[in-house]
């Protein structure tokens, strides 16, 4: 959830012409990550939960790429890029760990 808040805060300063482009993509990817974890945990089979965790990991990787693009085209500075990347890495580590745990326990 901290990552979602950070994405919304950082993308507020993006150019208006990115409203339906990069801003929208980044916000959707950020919201998708915790949403898929929540949805997957809600009365699903273990295999379905693993699937939702994989989707969440994909969204986090997508967001990482979008932050790299934002840095390269000058929409964010290195400090915000590093702050976002650190949070993404933390989320990826946690999500991968949860996925591995569910796989080992139930598959």
PDB file of N, CA and C in Angstrom:
ATOM      1  N   UNK A   1       0.824  -1.192   0.000  1.00  0.00           N
ATOM      2  CA  UNK A   1       0.000   0.000   0.000  1.00  0.00           C
ATOM      3  C   UNK A   1       0.875   1.266   0.000  1.00  0.00           C
ATOM      4  N   UNK A   2       2.044   1.178   0.647  1.00  0.00           N
ATOM      5  CA  UNK A   2       2.970   2.317   0.608  1.00  0.00           C
ATOM      6  C   UNK A   2       3.401   2.613  -0.823  1.00  0.00           C
ATOM      7  N   UNK A   3       3.592   1.568  -1.594  1.00  0.00           N
ATOM      8  CA  UNK A   3       3.999   1.741  -2.991  1.00  0.00           C
ATOM      9  C   UNK A   3       2.889   2.425  -3.796  1.00  0.00           C
ATOM     10  N   UNK A   4       1.659   2.037  -3.569  1.00  0.00           N
ATOM     11  CA  UNK A   4       0.526   2.669  -4.271  1.00  0.00           C
ATOM     12  C   UNK A   4       0.498   4.161  -3.951  1.00  0.00           C
ATOM     13  N   UNK A   5       0.637   4.494  -2.676  1.00  0.00           N
ATOM     14  CA  UNK A   5       0.633   5.905  -2.274  1.00  0.00           C
ATOM     15  C   UNK A   5       1.778   6.672  -2.946  1.00  0.00           C
ATOM     16  N   UNK A   6       2.960   6.043  -2.985  1.00  0.00           N
ATOM     17  CA  UNK A   6       4.111   6.697  -3.603  1.00  0.00           C
ATOM     18  C   UNK A   6       3.885   6.927  -5.097  1.00  0.00           C
ATOM     19  N   UNK A   7       3.334   5.946  -5.777  1.00  0.00           N
ATOM     20  CA  UNK A   7       3.068   6.091  -7.216  1.00  0.00           C
ATOM     21  C   UNK A   7       2.097   7.248  -7.462  1.00  0.00           C
ATOM     22  N   UNK A   8       1.038   7.317  -6.687  1.00  0.00           N
ATOM     23  CA  UNK A   8       0.081   8.414  -6.861  1.00  0.00           C
ATOM     24  C   UNK A   8       0.741   9.757  -6.590  1.00  0.00           C
ATOM     25  N   UNK A   9       1.565   9.828  -5.553  1.00  0.00           N
ATOM     26  CA  UNK A   9       2.238  11.078  -5.217  1.00  0.00           C
ATOM     27  C   UNK A   9       3.209  11.499  -6.316  1.00  0.00           C
ATOM     28  N   UNK A  10       4.023  10.583  -6.783  1.00  0.00           N
ATOM     29  CA  UNK A  10       5.028  10.911  -7.807  1.00  0.00           C
ATOM     30  C   UNK A  10       4.369  11.279  -9.132  1.00  0.00           C
ATOM     31  N   UNK A  11       3.345  10.549  -9.526  1.00  0.00           N
ATOM     32  CA  UNK A  11       2.737  10.806 -10.841  1.00  0.00           C
ATOM     33  C   UNK A  11       1.901  12.088 -10.879  1.00  0.00           C
ATOM     34  N   UNK A  12       1.634  12.689  -9.718  1.00  0.00           N
ATOM     35  CA  UNK A  12       0.926  13.981  -9.696  1.00  0.00           C
ATOM     36  C   UNK A  12       1.705  15.058 -10.455  1.00  0.00           C
ATOM     37  N   UNK A  13       3.022  14.912 -10.473  1.00  0.00           N
ATOM     38  CA  UNK A  13       3.862  15.946 -11.101  1.00  0.00           C
ATOM     39  C   UNK A  13       4.152  15.654 -12.576  1.00  0.00           C
ATOM     40  N   UNK A  14       3.633  14.567 -13.114  1.00  0.00           N
ATOM     41  CA  UNK A  14       3.855  14.246 -14.528  1.00  0.00           C
ATOM     42  C   UNK A  14       3.088  15.236 -15.409  1.00  0.00           C
ATOM     43  N   UNK A  15       3.533  15.423 -16.629  1.00  0.00           N
ATOM     44  CA  UNK A  15       2.827  16.324 -17.552  1.00  0.00           C
ATOM     45  C   UNK A  15       1.378  15.867 -17.787  1.00  0.00           C
ATOM     46  N   UNK A  16       0.512  16.826 -17.988  1.00  0.00           N
ATOM     47  CA  UNK A  16      -0.916  16.537 -18.185  1.00  0.00           C
ATOM     48  C   UNK A  16      -1.162  15.608 -19.371  1.00  0.00           C
ATOM     49  N   UNK A  17      -0.317  15.680 -20.400  1.00  0.00           N
ATOM     50  CA  UNK A  17      -0.537  14.832 -21.576  1.00  0.00           C
ATOM     51  C   UNK A  17      -0.312  13.349 -21.269  1.00  0.00           C
ATOM     52  N   UNK A  18       0.259  13.036 -20.107  1.00  0.00           N
ATOM     53  CA  UNK A  18       0.468  11.640 -19.705  1.00  0.00           C
ATOM     54  C   UNK A  18      -0.712  11.077 -18.903  1.00  0.00           C
ATOM     55  N   UNK A  19      -1.751  11.880 -18.724  1.00  0.00           N
ATOM     56  CA  UNK A  19      -2.894  11.439 -17.910  1.00  0.00           C
ATOM     57  C   UNK A  19      -3.449  10.091 -18.369  1.00  0.00           C
ATOM     58  N   UNK A  20      -3.560   9.878 -19.657  1.00  0.00           N
ATOM     59  CA  UNK A  20      -4.112   8.629 -20.184  1.00  0.00           C
ATOM     60  C   UNK A  20      -3.015   7.697 -20.695  1.00  0.00           C
ATOM     61  N   UNK A  21      -1.768   8.056 -20.426  1.00  0.00           N
ATOM     62  CA  UNK A  21      -0.637   7.248 -20.844  1.00  0.00           C
ATOM     63  C   UNK A  21       0.074   6.660 -19.638  1.00  0.00           C
ATOM     64  N   UNK A  22       1.256   7.168 -19.390  1.00  0.00           N
ATOM     65  CA  UNK A  22       2.113   6.622 -18.348  1.00  0.00           C
ATOM     66  C   UNK A  22       1.493   6.728 -16.952  1.00  0.00           C
ATOM     67  N   UNK A  23       0.856   7.825 -16.648  1.00  0.00           N
ATOM     68  CA  UNK A  23       0.231   7.982 -15.326  1.00  0.00           C
ATOM     69  C   UNK A  23      -0.782   6.869 -15.097  1.00  0.00           C
ATOM     70  N   UNK A  24      -1.653   6.677 -16.056  1.00  0.00           N
ATOM     71  CA  UNK A  24      -2.690   5.655 -15.936  1.00  0.00           C
ATOM     72  C   UNK A  24      -2.087   4.259 -15.816  1.00  0.00           C
ATOM     73  N   UNK A  25      -1.101   3.964 -16.641  1.00  0.00           N
ATOM     74  CA  UNK A  25      -0.460   2.639 -16.607  1.00  0.00           C
ATOM     75  C   UNK A  25       0.223   2.387 -15.273  1.00  0.00           C
ATOM     76  N   UNK A  26       0.938   3.376 -14.769  1.00  0.00           N
ATOM     77  CA  UNK A  26       1.664   3.206 -13.514  1.00  0.00           C
ATOM     78  C   UNK A  26       0.703   3.036 -12.343  1.00  0.00           C
ATOM     79  N   UNK A  27      -0.338   3.830 -12.326  1.00  0.00           N
ATOM     80  CA  UNK A  27      -1.299   3.721 -11.230  1.00  0.00           C
ATOM     81  C   UNK A  27      -2.032   2.386 -11.273  1.00  0.00           C
ATOM     82  N   UNK A  28      -2.398   1.933 -12.468  1.00  0.00           N
ATOM     83  CA  UNK A  28      -3.086   0.636 -12.583  1.00  0.00           C
ATOM     84  C   UNK A  28      -2.180  -0.508 -12.160  1.00  0.00           C
ATOM     85  N   UNK A  29      -0.910  -0.468 -12.544  1.00  0.00           N
ATOM     86  CA  UNK A  29       0.030  -1.522 -12.161  1.00  0.00           C
ATOM     87  C   UNK A  29       0.243  -1.524 -10.644  1.00  0.00           C
ATOM     88  N   UNK A  30       0.355  -0.332 -10.067  1.00  0.00           N
ATOM     89  CA  UNK A  30       0.562  -0.232  -8.621  1.00  0.00           C
ATOM     90  C   UNK A  30      -0.632  -0.772  -7.846  1.00  0.00           C
ATOM     91  N   UNK A  31      -1.826  -0.432  -8.280  1.00  0.00           N
ATOM     92  CA  UNK A  31      -3.047  -0.899  -7.605  1.00  0.00           C
ATOM     93  C   UNK A  31      -3.254  -2.393  -7.848  1.00  0.00           C
ATOM     94  N   UNK A  32      -2.853  -2.870  -8.998  1.00  0.00           N
ATOM     95  CA  UNK A  32      -3.031  -4.271  -9.358  1.00  0.00           C
ATOM     96  C   UNK A  32      -2.260  -5.211  -8.435  1.00  0.00           C
ATOM     97  N   UNK A  33      -1.075  -4.821  -8.015  1.00  0.00           N
ATOM     98  CA  UNK A  33      -0.234  -5.712  -7.209  1.00  0.00           C
ATOM     99  C   UNK A  33      -0.920  -6.127  -5.897  1.00  0.00           C
ATOM    100  N   UNK A  34      -1.295  -5.213  -5.026  1.00  0.00           N
ATOM    101  CA  UNK A  34      -1.950  -5.654  -3.788  1.00  0.00           C
ATOM    102  C   UNK A  34      -3.367  -6.184  -4.019  1.00  0.00           C
ATOM    103  N   UNK A  35      -4.027  -5.692  -5.060  1.00  0.00           N
ATOM    104  CA  UNK A  35      -5.377  -6.162  -5.350  1.00  0.00           C
ATOM    105  C   UNK A  35      -5.382  -7.635  -5.732  1.00  0.00           C
ATOM    106  N   UNK A  36      -4.409  -8.061  -6.517  1.00  0.00           N
ATOM    107  CA  UNK A  36      -4.332  -9.470  -6.911  1.00  0.00           C
ATOM    108  C   UNK A  36      -3.980 -10.374  -5.736  1.00  0.00           C
ATOM    109  N   UNK A  37      -3.147  -9.890  -4.844  1.00  0.00           N
ATOM    110  CA  UNK A  37      -2.838 -10.677  -3.642  1.00  0.00           C
ATOM    111  C   UNK A  37      -4.103 -10.856  -2.810  1.00  0.00           C
ATOM    112  N   UNK A  38      -4.826  -9.777  -2.632  1.00  0.00           N
ATOM    113  CA  UNK A  38      -6.068  -9.830  -1.858  1.00  0.00           C
ATOM    114  C   UNK A  38      -7.098 -10.734  -2.503  1.00  0.00           C
ATOM    115  N   UNK A  39      -7.280 -10.580  -3.790  1.00  0.00           N
ATOM    116  CA  UNK A  39      -8.254 -11.401  -4.505  1.00  0.00           C
ATOM    117  C   UNK A  39      -7.862 -12.875  -4.480  1.00  0.00           C
ATOM    118  N   UNK A  40      -6.587 -13.149  -4.643  1.00  0.00           N
ATOM    119  CA  UNK A  40      -6.115 -14.529  -4.647  1.00  0.00           C
ATOM    120  C   UNK A  40      -6.260 -15.218  -3.307  1.00  0.00           C
ATOM    121  N   UNK A  41      -6.158 -14.446  -2.245  1.00  0.00           N
ATOM    122  CA  UNK A  41      -6.253 -15.014  -0.900  1.00  0.00           C
ATOM    123  C   UNK A  41      -7.698 -15.263  -0.485  1.00  0.00           C
ATOM    124  N   UNK A  42      -8.631 -14.712  -1.223  1.00  0.00           N
ATOM    125  CA  UNK A  42     -10.049 -14.775  -0.846  1.00  0.00           C
ATOM    126  C   UNK A  42     -10.715 -16.039  -1.373  1.00  0.00           C
ATOM    127  N   UNK A  43     -10.720 -17.070  -0.558  1.00  0.00           N
ATOM    128  CA  UNK A  43     -11.474 -18.287  -0.843  1.00  0.00           C
ATOM    129  C   UNK A  43     -11.166 -18.871  -2.216  1.00  0.00           C
ATOM    130  N   UNK A  44      -9.896 -19.000  -2.510  1.00  0.00           N
ATOM    131  CA  UNK A  44      -9.445 -19.584  -3.773  1.00  0.00           C
ATOM    132  C   UNK A  44      -8.687 -20.873  -3.467  1.00  0.00           C
ATOM    133  N   UNK A  45      -8.499 -21.693  -4.481  1.00  0.00           N
ATOM    134  CA  UNK A  45      -7.631 -22.855  -4.309  1.00  0.00           C
ATOM    135  C   UNK A  45      -6.192 -22.355  -4.189  1.00  0.00           C
ATOM    136  N   UNK A  46      -5.327 -23.210  -3.705  1.00  0.00           N
ATOM    137  CA  UNK A  46      -3.931 -22.812  -3.557  1.00  0.00           C
ATOM    138  C   UNK A  46      -3.291 -22.530  -4.911  1.00  0.00           C
ATOM    139  N   UNK A  47      -3.668 -23.314  -5.916  1.00  0.00           N
ATOM    140  CA  UNK A  47      -3.139 -23.074  -7.262  1.00  0.00           C
ATOM    141  C   UNK A  47      -3.612 -21.724  -7.810  1.00  0.00           C
ATOM    142  N   UNK A  48      -4.869 -21.381  -7.544  1.00  0.00           N
ATOM    143  CA  UNK A  48      -5.375 -20.081  -7.983  1.00  0.00           C
ATOM    144  C   UNK A  48      -4.645 -18.950  -7.257  1.00  0.00           C
ATOM    145  N   UNK A  49      -4.392 -19.154  -5.962  1.00  0.00           N
ATOM    146  CA  UNK A  49      -3.668 -18.147  -5.192  1.00  0.00           C
ATOM    147  C   UNK A  49      -2.275 -17.934  -5.789  1.00  0.00           C
ATOM    148  N   UNK A  50      -1.593 -19.019  -6.122  1.00  0.00           N
ATOM    149  CA  UNK A  50      -0.269 -18.915  -6.760  1.00  0.00           C
ATOM    150  C   UNK A  50      -0.374 -18.135  -8.067  1.00  0.00           C
ATOM    151  N   UNK A  51      -1.427 -18.383  -8.820  1.00  0.00           N
ATOM    152  CA  UNK A  51      -1.659 -17.656 -10.076  1.00  0.00           C
ATOM    153  C   UNK A  51      -1.804 -16.158  -9.834  1.00  0.00           C
ATOM    154  N   UNK A  52      -2.601 -15.796  -8.840  1.00  0.00           N
ATOM    155  CA  UNK A  52      -2.803 -14.375  -8.521  1.00  0.00           C
ATOM    156  C   UNK A  52      -1.500 -13.740  -8.034  1.00  0.00           C
ATOM    157  N   UNK A  53      -0.700 -14.502  -7.292  1.00  0.00           N
ATOM    158  CA  UNK A  53       0.595 -13.983  -6.850  1.00  0.00           C
ATOM    159  C   UNK A  53       1.512 -13.746  -8.044  1.00  0.00           C
ATOM    160  N   UNK A  54       1.465 -14.621  -9.022  1.00  0.00           N
ATOM    161  CA  UNK A  54       2.260 -14.434 -10.242  1.00  0.00           C
ATOM    162  C   UNK A  54       1.831 -13.180 -10.991  1.00  0.00           C
ATOM    163  N   UNK A  55       0.551 -12.922 -11.040  1.00  0.00           N
ATOM    164  CA  UNK A  55       0.045 -11.704 -11.688  1.00  0.00           C
ATOM    165  C   UNK A  55       0.540 -10.473 -10.936  1.00  0.00           C
ATOM    166  N   UNK A  56       0.523 -10.542  -9.611  1.00  0.00           N
ATOM    167  CA  UNK A  56       1.018  -9.439  -8.798  1.00  0.00           C
ATOM    168  C   UNK A  56       2.501  -9.171  -9.076  1.00  0.00           C
ATOM    169  N   UNK A  57       3.278 -10.232  -9.175  1.00  0.00           N
ATOM    170  CA  UNK A  57       4.706 -10.096  -9.492  1.00  0.00           C
ATOM    171  C   UNK A  57       4.889  -9.450 -10.870  1.00  0.00           C
ATOM    172  N   UNK A  58       4.071  -9.837 -11.814  1.00  0.00           N
ATOM    173  CA  UNK A  58       4.120  -9.225 -13.139  1.00  0.00           C
ATOM    174  C   UNK A  58       3.829  -7.739 -13.089  1.00  0.00           C
ATOM    175  N   UNK A  59       2.836  -7.356 -12.306  1.00  0.00           N
ATOM    176  CA  UNK A  59       2.491  -5.932 -12.173  1.00  0.00           C
ATOM    177  C   UNK A  59       3.634  -5.150 -11.549  1.00  0.00           C
ATOM    178  N   UNK A  60       4.297  -5.728 -10.563  1.00  0.00           N
ATOM    179  CA  UNK A  60       5.427  -5.052  -9.928  1.00  0.00           C
ATOM    180  C   UNK A  60       6.585  -4.881 -10.904  1.00  0.00           C
ATOM    181  N   UNK A  61       6.845  -5.888 -11.707  1.00  0.00           N
ATOM    182  CA  UNK A  61       7.905  -5.772 -12.718  1.00  0.00           C
ATOM    183  C   UNK A  61       7.544  -4.747 -13.786  1.00  0.00           C
ATOM    184  N   UNK A  62       6.285  -4.710 -14.159  1.00  0.00           N
ATOM    185  CA  UNK A  62       5.812  -3.700 -15.113  1.00  0.00           C
ATOM    186  C   UNK A  62       6.040  -2.299 -14.542  1.00  0.00           C
ATOM    187  N   UNK A  63       5.703  -2.123 -13.282  1.00  0.00           N
ATOM    188  CA  UNK A  63       5.868  -0.832 -12.628  1.00  0.00           C
ATOM    189  C   UNK A  63       7.345  -0.430 -12.559  1.00  0.00           C
ATOM    190  N   UNK A  64       8.213  -1.391 -12.307  1.00  0.00           N
ATOM    191  CA  UNK A  64       9.648  -1.116 -12.285  1.00  0.00           C
ATOM    192  C   UNK A  64      10.115  -0.570 -13.632  1.00  0.00           C
ATOM    193  N   UNK A  65       9.654  -1.184 -14.702  1.00  0.00           N
ATOM    194  CA  UNK A  65       9.995  -0.720 -16.047  1.00  0.00           C
ATOM    195  C   UNK A  65       9.459   0.686 -16.288  1.00  0.00           C
ATOM    196  N   UNK A  66       8.248   0.950 -15.843  1.00  0.00           N
ATOM    197  CA  UNK A  66       7.650   2.265 -16.045  1.00  0.00           C
ATOM    198  C   UNK A  66       8.391   3.343 -15.267  1.00  0.00           C
ATOM    199  N   UNK A  67       8.902   3.005 -14.092  1.00  0.00           N
ATOM    200  CA  UNK A  67       9.718   3.976 -13.354  1.00  0.00           C
ATOM    201  C   UNK A  67      11.042   4.227 -14.075  1.00  0.00           C
ATOM    202  N   UNK A  68      11.614   3.198 -14.656  1.00  0.00           N
ATOM    203  CA  UNK A  68      12.850   3.376 -15.423  1.00  0.00           C
ATOM    204  C   UNK A  68      12.601   4.293 -16.629  1.00  0.00           C
ATOM    205  N   UNK A  69      11.487   4.072 -17.312  1.00  0.00           N
ATOM    206  CA  UNK A  69      11.117   4.943 -18.434  1.00  0.00           C
ATOM    207  C   UNK A  69      10.954   6.375 -17.951  1.00  0.00           C
ATOM    208  N   UNK A  70      10.251   6.544 -16.831  1.00  0.00           N
ATOM    209  CA  UNK A  70      10.012   7.881 -16.283  1.00  0.00           C
ATOM    210  C   UNK A  70      11.314   8.597 -15.953  1.00  0.00           C
ATOM    211  N   UNK A  71      12.282   7.864 -15.440  1.00  0.00           N
ATOM    212  CA  UNK A  71      13.589   8.451 -15.141  1.00  0.00           C
ATOM    213  C   UNK A  71      14.290   8.859 -16.434  1.00  0.00           C
ATOM    214  N   UNK A  72      14.295   7.959 -17.407  1.00  0.00           N
ATOM    215  CA  UNK A  72      15.012   8.215 -18.659  1.00  0.00           C
ATOM    216  C   UNK A  72      14.449   9.386 -19.453  1.00  0.00           C
ATOM    217  N   UNK A  73      13.144   9.610 -19.364  1.00  0.00           N
ATOM    218  CA  UNK A  73      12.559  10.730 -20.117  1.00  0.00           C
ATOM    219  C   UNK A  73      12.416  11.994 -19.268  1.00  0.00           C
ATOM    220  N   UNK A  74      12.927  11.933 -18.039  1.00  0.00           N
ATOM    221  CA  UNK A  74      13.016  13.136 -17.217  1.00  0.00           C
ATOM    222  C   UNK A  74      11.786  13.488 -16.411  1.00  0.00           C
ATOM    223  N   UNK A  75      10.879  12.561 -16.233  1.00  0.00           N
ATOM    224  CA  UNK A  75       9.685  12.837 -15.436  1.00  0.00           C
ATOM    225  C   UNK A  75       9.940  12.710 -13.942  1.00  0.00           C
ATOM    226  N   UNK A  76      10.936  11.926 -13.561  1.00  0.00           N
ATOM    227  CA  UNK A  76      11.296  11.797 -12.152  1.00  0.00           C
ATOM    228  C   UNK A  76      12.808  11.938 -12.006  1.00  0.00           C
ATOM    229  N   UNK A  77      13.224  12.267 -10.790  1.00  0.00           N
ATOM    230  CA  UNK A  77      14.651  12.367 -10.511  1.00  0.00           C
ATOM    231  C   UNK A  77      15.167  11.041  -9.947  1.00  0.00           C
ATOM    232  N   UNK A  78      16.467  10.955  -9.783  1.00  0.00           N
ATOM    233  CA  UNK A  78      17.089   9.714  -9.311  1.00  0.00           C
ATOM    234  C   UNK A  78      16.657   9.356  -7.891  1.00  0.00           C
ATOM    235  N   UNK A  79      16.412  10.350  -7.076  1.00  0.00           N
ATOM    236  CA  UNK A  79      16.004  10.097  -5.683  1.00  0.00           C
ATOM    237  C   UNK A  79      14.644   9.398  -5.654  1.00  0.00           C
ATOM    238  N   UNK A  80      13.676   9.929  -6.396  1.00  0.00           N
ATOM    239  CA  UNK A  80      12.354   9.293  -6.436  1.00  0.00           C
ATOM    240  C   UNK A  80      12.409   7.930  -7.115  1.00  0.00           C
ATOM    241  N   UNK A  81      13.250   7.810  -8.122  1.00  0.00           N
ATOM    242  CA  UNK A  81      13.406   6.510  -8.787  1.00  0.00           C
ATOM    243  C   UNK A  81      13.937   5.474  -7.798  1.00  0.00           C
ATOM    244  N   UNK A  82      14.940   5.850  -7.047  1.00  0.00           N
ATOM    245  CA  UNK A  82      15.525   4.928  -6.066  1.00  0.00           C
ATOM    246  C   UNK A  82      14.528   4.584  -4.962  1.00  0.00           C
ATOM    247  N   UNK A  83      13.804   5.580  -4.499  1.00  0.00           N
ATOM    248  CA  UNK A  83      12.799   5.336  -3.462  1.00  0.00           C
ATOM    249  C   UNK A  83      11.737   4.350  -3.963  1.00  0.00           C
ATOM    250  N   UNK A  84      11.269   4.564  -5.171  1.00  0.00           N
ATOM    251  CA  UNK A  84      10.256   3.675  -5.750  1.00  0.00           C
ATOM    252  C   UNK A  84      10.826   2.284  -5.988  1.00  0.00           C
ATOM    253  N   UNK A  85      12.026   2.209  -6.530  1.00  0.00           N
ATOM    254  CA  UNK A  85      12.629   0.914  -6.828  1.00  0.00           C
ATOM    255  C   UNK A  85      12.869   0.111  -5.557  1.00  0.00           C
ATOM    256  N   UNK A  86      13.263   0.784  -4.488  1.00  0.00           N
ATOM    257  CA  UNK A  86      13.459   0.083  -3.212  1.00  0.00           C
ATOM    258  C   UNK A  86      12.146  -0.519  -2.711  1.00  0.00           C
ATOM    259  N   UNK A  87      11.070   0.223  -2.824  1.00  0.00           N
ATOM    260  CA  UNK A  87       9.762  -0.303  -2.415  1.00  0.00           C
ATOM    261  C   UNK A  87       9.314  -1.447  -3.320  1.00  0.00           C
ATOM    262  N   UNK A  88       9.537  -1.302  -4.605  1.00  0.00           N
ATOM    263  CA  UNK A  88       9.188  -2.376  -5.551  1.00  0.00           C
ATOM    264  C   UNK A  88       9.979  -3.632  -5.215  1.00  0.00           C
ATOM    265  N   UNK A  89      11.270  -3.476  -4.959  1.00  0.00           N
ATOM    266  CA  UNK A  89      12.107  -4.633  -4.620  1.00  0.00           C
ATOM    267  C   UNK A  89      11.617  -5.314  -3.339  1.00  0.00           C
ATOM    268  N   UNK A  90      11.237  -4.523  -2.360  1.00  0.00           N
ATOM    269  CA  UNK A  90      10.705  -5.074  -1.108  1.00  0.00           C
ATOM    270  C   UNK A  90       9.403  -5.844  -1.364  1.00  0.00           C
ATOM    271  N   UNK A  91       8.535  -5.269  -2.185  1.00  0.00           N
ATOM    272  CA  UNK A  91       7.269  -5.938  -2.517  1.00  0.00           C
ATOM    273  C   UNK A  91       7.515  -7.225  -3.304  1.00  0.00           C
ATOM    274  N   UNK A  92       8.452  -7.179  -4.235  1.00  0.00           N
ATOM    275  CA  UNK A  92       8.777  -8.383  -5.013  1.00  0.00           C
ATOM    276  C   UNK A  92       9.325  -9.488  -4.099  1.00  0.00           C
ATOM    277  N   UNK A  93      10.220  -9.122  -3.219  1.00  0.00           N
ATOM    278  CA  UNK A  93      10.806 -10.093  -2.299  1.00  0.00           C
ATOM    279  C   UNK A  93       9.721 -10.752  -1.444  1.00  0.00           C
ATOM    280  N   UNK A  94       8.826  -9.952  -0.910  1.00  0.00           N
ATOM    281  CA  UNK A  94       7.748 -10.472  -0.066  1.00  0.00           C
ATOM    282  C   UNK A  94       6.787 -11.352  -0.863  1.00  0.00           C
ATOM    283  N   UNK A  95       6.431 -10.908  -2.051  1.00  0.00           N
ATOM    284  CA  UNK A  95       5.478 -11.652  -2.874  1.00  0.00           C
ATOM    285  C   UNK A  95       6.080 -12.958  -3.378  1.00  0.00           C
ATOM    286  N   UNK A  96       7.339 -12.917  -3.805  1.00  0.00           N
ATOM    287  CA  UNK A  96       8.025 -14.151  -4.216  1.00  0.00           C
ATOM    288  C   UNK A  96       8.095 -15.135  -3.052  1.00  0.00           C
ATOM    289  N   UNK A  97       8.391 -14.624  -1.860  1.00  0.00           N
ATOM    290  CA  UNK A  97       8.465 -15.481  -0.679  1.00  0.00           C
ATOM    291  C   UNK A  97       7.129 -16.121  -0.356  1.00  0.00           C
ATOM    292  N   UNK A  98       6.069 -15.347  -0.447  1.00  0.00           N
ATOM    293  CA  UNK A  98       4.731 -15.887  -0.200  1.00  0.00           C
ATOM    294  C   UNK A  98       4.374 -16.932  -1.243  1.00  0.00           C
ATOM    295  N   UNK A  99       4.683 -16.647  -2.487  1.00  0.00           N
ATOM    296  CA  UNK A  99       4.396 -17.596  -3.568  1.00  0.00           C
ATOM    297  C   UNK A  99       5.149 -18.905  -3.354  1.00  0.00           C
ATOM    298  N   UNK A 100       6.412 -18.809  -3.033  1.00  0.00           N
ATOM    299  CA  UNK A 100       7.227 -20.003  -2.782  1.00  0.00           C
ATOM    300  C   UNK A 100       6.665 -20.797  -1.604  1.00  0.00           C
ATOM    301  N   UNK A 101       6.257 -20.108  -0.570  1.00  0.00           N
ATOM    302  CA  UNK A 101       5.698 -20.769   0.608  1.00  0.00           C
ATOM    303  C   UNK A 101       4.404 -21.511   0.277  1.00  0.00           C
ATOM    304  N   UNK A 102       3.524 -20.876  -0.475  1.00  0.00           N
ATOM    305  CA  UNK A 102       2.259 -21.514  -0.858  1.00  0.00           C
ATOM    306  C   UNK A 102       2.535 -22.711  -1.763  1.00  0.00           C
ATOM    307  N   UNK A 103       3.458 -22.546  -2.702  1.00  0.00           N
ATOM    308  CA  UNK A 103       3.798 -23.648  -3.610  1.00  0.00           C
ATOM    309  C   UNK A 103       4.355 -24.853  -2.848  1.00  0.00           C
ATOM    310  N   UNK A 104       5.260 -24.593  -1.922  1.00  0.00           N
ATOM    311  CA  UNK A 104       5.897 -25.685  -1.192  1.00  0.00           C
ATOM    312  C   UNK A 104       4.933 -26.378  -0.226  1.00  0.00           C
ATOM    313  N   UNK A 105       4.036 -25.620   0.297  1.00  0.00           N
ATOM    314  CA  UNK A 105       3.122 -26.163   1.304  1.00  0.00           C
ATOM    315  C   UNK A 105       1.982 -26.984   0.695  1.00  0.00           C
ATOM    316  N   UNK A 106       1.517 -26.551  -0.466  1.00  0.00           N
ATOM    317  CA  UNK A 106       0.284 -27.138  -0.993  1.00  0.00           C
ATOM    318  C   UNK A 106       0.397 -27.800  -2.352  1.00  0.00           C
ATOM    319  N   UNK A 107       1.483 -27.598  -3.044  1.00  0.00           N
ATOM    320  CA  UNK A 107       1.553 -28.165  -4.401  1.00  0.00           C
ATOM    321  C   UNK A 107       2.393 -29.434  -4.445  1.00  0.00           C
TER     322      UNK A 107
END
